[in-house]
C-alpha atoms as a PDB file:
ATOM      1  CA  MET A   1      -4.632  22.269 -45.551  1.00  0.00           C
ATOM      2  CA  LEU A   2      -4.309  26.029 -45.335  1.00  0.00           C
ATOM      3  CA  GLU A   3      -3.132  25.886 -41.727  1.00  0.00           C
ATOM      4  CA  ALA A   4      -0.561  23.197 -42.561  1.00  0.00           C
ATOM      5  CA  THR A   5       0.672  25.159 -45.564  1.00  0.00           C
ATOM      6  CA  ILE A   6       1.205  28.380 -43.635  1.00  0.00           C
ATOM      7  CA  GLY A   7       3.059  26.602 -40.858  1.00  0.00           C
ATOM      8  CA  GLY A   8       0.316  26.320 -38.253  1.00  0.00           C
ATOM      9  CA  LYS A   9      -0.060  30.070 -37.920  1.00  0.00           C
ATOM     10  CA  ALA A  10      -3.809  30.214 -38.225  1.00  0.00           C
ATOM     11  CA  VAL A  11      -5.370  33.597 -38.682  1.00  0.00           C
ATOM     12  CA  ASP A  12      -8.939  34.777 -38.272  1.00  0.00           C
ATOM     13  CA  ASP A  13      -8.996  36.558 -41.619  1.00  0.00           C
ATOM     14  CA  VAL A  14      -7.601  34.329 -44.359  1.00  0.00           C
ATOM     15  CA  SER A  15      -7.635  37.219 -46.826  1.00  0.00           C
ATOM     16  CA  ASP A  16      -4.353  38.359 -45.222  1.00  0.00           C
ATOM     17  CA  VAL A  17      -2.626  35.059 -46.065  1.00  0.00           C
ATOM     18  CA  GLU A  18      -0.553  35.054 -49.211  1.00  0.00           C
ATOM     19  CA  LEU A  19      -0.150  31.726 -50.952  1.00  0.00           C
ATOM     20  CA  PRO A  20       1.422  30.991 -54.311  1.00  0.00           C
ATOM     21  CA  LYS A  21      -0.946  31.513 -57.205  1.00  0.00           C
ATOM     22  CA  ASP A  22       0.054  28.286 -58.963  1.00  0.00           C
ATOM     23  CA  VAL A  23       0.333  24.616 -58.053  1.00  0.00           C
ATOM     24  CA  ALA A  24       4.104  24.546 -58.650  1.00  0.00           C
ATOM     25  CA  GLY A  25       4.600  27.423 -56.223  1.00  0.00           C
ATOM     26  CA  LEU A  26       2.414  25.732 -53.625  1.00  0.00           C
ATOM     27  CA  VAL A  27       4.351  22.482 -54.016  1.00  0.00           C
ATOM     28  CA  LEU A  28       7.619  24.400 -53.567  1.00  0.00           C
ATOM     29  CA  LEU A  29       6.276  26.137 -50.447  1.00  0.00           C
ATOM     30  CA  ALA A  30       5.135  22.814 -48.988  1.00  0.00           C
ATOM     31  CA  ALA A  31       8.558  21.270 -49.720  1.00  0.00           C
ATOM     32  CA  GLU A  32      10.309  24.198 -48.036  1.00  0.00           C
ATOM     33  CA  ARG A  33       8.101  23.809 -44.943  1.00  0.00           C
ATOM     34  CA  ALA A  34       8.755  20.060 -44.873  1.00  0.00           C
ATOM     35  CA  GLU A  35      12.505  20.707 -45.025  1.00  0.00           C
ATOM     36  CA  ILE A  36      12.234  23.093 -42.072  1.00  0.00           C
ATOM     37  CA  VAL A  37      10.257  20.520 -40.070  1.00  0.00           C
ATOM     38  CA  HIS A  38      12.731  17.737 -40.868  1.00  0.00           C
ATOM     39  CA  GLY A  39      15.603  20.006 -39.823  1.00  0.00           C
ATOM     40  CA  LEU A  40      13.921  20.821 -36.515  1.00  0.00           C
ATOM     41  CA  LEU A  41      13.271  17.130 -35.845  1.00  0.00           C
ATOM     42  CA  ALA A  42      16.916  16.289 -36.587  1.00  0.00           C
ATOM     43  CA  ASP A  43      18.063  19.080 -34.260  1.00  0.00           C
ATOM     44  CA  GLY A  44      15.779  17.745 -31.540  1.00  0.00           C
ATOM     45  CA  ARG A  45      17.153  14.229 -31.963  1.00  0.00           C
ATOM     46  CA  ARG A  46      20.731  15.532 -31.746  1.00  0.00           C
ATOM     47  CA  LEU A  47      19.869  17.415 -28.551  1.00  0.00           C
ATOM     48  CA  VAL A  48      18.284  14.326 -27.008  1.00  0.00           C
ATOM     49  CA  GLU A  49      21.371  12.287 -27.877  1.00  0.00           C
ATOM     50  CA  GLN A  50      23.662  14.914 -26.345  1.00  0.00           C
ATOM     51  CA  ILE A  51      21.570  14.992 -23.174  1.00  0.00           C
ATOM     52  CA  GLU A  52      21.543  11.185 -22.926  1.00  0.00           C
ATOM     53  CA  ARG A  53      25.332  11.139 -23.334  1.00  0.00           C
ATOM     54  CA  LEU A  54      25.741  13.849 -20.685  1.00  0.00           C
ATOM     55  CA  VAL A  55      23.558  11.976 -18.193  1.00  0.00           C
ATOM     56  CA  CYS A  56      25.450   8.747 -18.890  1.00  0.00           C
ATOM     57  CA  ALA A  57      28.758  10.561 -18.367  1.00  0.00           C
ATOM     58  CA  LEU A  58      27.518  12.068 -15.099  1.00  0.00           C
ATOM     59  CA  TYR A  59      26.619   8.587 -13.858  1.00  0.00           C
ATOM     60  CA  ASP A  60      29.878   7.114 -15.223  1.00  0.00           C
ATOM     61  CA  VAL A  61      28.033   4.683 -17.498  1.00  0.00           C
ATOM     62  CA  PRO A  62      30.469   2.655 -19.649  1.00  0.00           C
ATOM     63  CA  ASP A  63      30.712   3.685 -23.325  1.00  0.00           C
ATOM     64  CA  GLU A  64      29.226   0.399 -24.556  1.00  0.00           C
ATOM     65  CA  LEU A  65      26.180   0.821 -22.340  1.00  0.00           C
ATOM     66  CA  THR A  66      25.918   4.487 -23.286  1.00  0.00           C
ATOM     67  CA  ASP A  67      25.605   3.437 -26.927  1.00  0.00           C
ATOM     68  CA  GLU A  68      22.778   1.096 -25.916  1.00  0.00           C
ATOM     69  CA  VAL A  69      21.036   3.942 -24.057  1.00  0.00           C
ATOM     70  CA  ILE A  70      21.326   6.094 -27.193  1.00  0.00           C
ATOM     71  CA  ALA A  71      19.986   3.289 -29.390  1.00  0.00           C
ATOM     72  CA  HIS A  72      17.059   2.827 -27.001  1.00  0.00           C
ATOM     73  CA  ALA A  73      16.311   6.562 -27.035  1.00  0.00           C
ATOM     74  CA  ALA A  74      16.408   6.542 -30.846  1.00  0.00           C
ATOM     75  CA  ALA A  75      14.052   3.545 -30.925  1.00  0.00           C
ATOM     76  CA  ARG A  76      11.620   5.343 -28.596  1.00  0.00           C
ATOM     77  CA  ALA A  77      11.657   8.274 -30.996  1.00  0.00           C
ATOM     78  CA  GLY A  78      10.990   6.006 -33.969  1.00  0.00           C
ATOM     79  CA  VAL A  79      14.492   6.345 -35.363  1.00  0.00           C
ATOM     80  CA  SER A  80      16.683   3.348 -36.061  1.00  0.00           C
ATOM     81  CA  THR A  81      20.022   5.101 -35.435  1.00  0.00           C
ATOM     82  CA  PRO A  82      21.304   8.031 -33.378  1.00  0.00           C
ATOM     83  CA  ALA A  83      20.578  11.493 -34.779  1.00  0.00           C
ATOM     84  CA  ASP A  84      23.791  11.879 -36.730  1.00  0.00           C
ATOM     85  CA  GLY A  85      24.104   8.198 -37.629  1.00  0.00           C
ATOM     86  CA  VAL A  86      27.393   7.863 -35.761  1.00  0.00           C
ATOM     87  CA  THR A  87      27.853   5.457 -32.891  1.00  0.00           C
ATOM     88  CA  ARG A  88      30.378   6.693 -30.378  1.00  0.00           C
ATOM     89  CA  GLY A  89      32.198   4.524 -27.949  1.00  0.00           C
END
């Protein structure tokens, strides 16, 4: 739990780690870390979508099929829609 709370930056001497002194502060810290992780995942999904679109454009894939490629990539990632929720075509 400590490693997850401090963002995976494990240290040998835990006495150097500063955590909130109360449960509310710890909950806030955990929520902030979760928001960062969700943001990074969303950024990664957007990058994957952009790359898929670029590859499809390079191979002159029709827009309708490109949207299917994007949907398939989102499904592989466990997401039901493209990263930004917008289907282009």
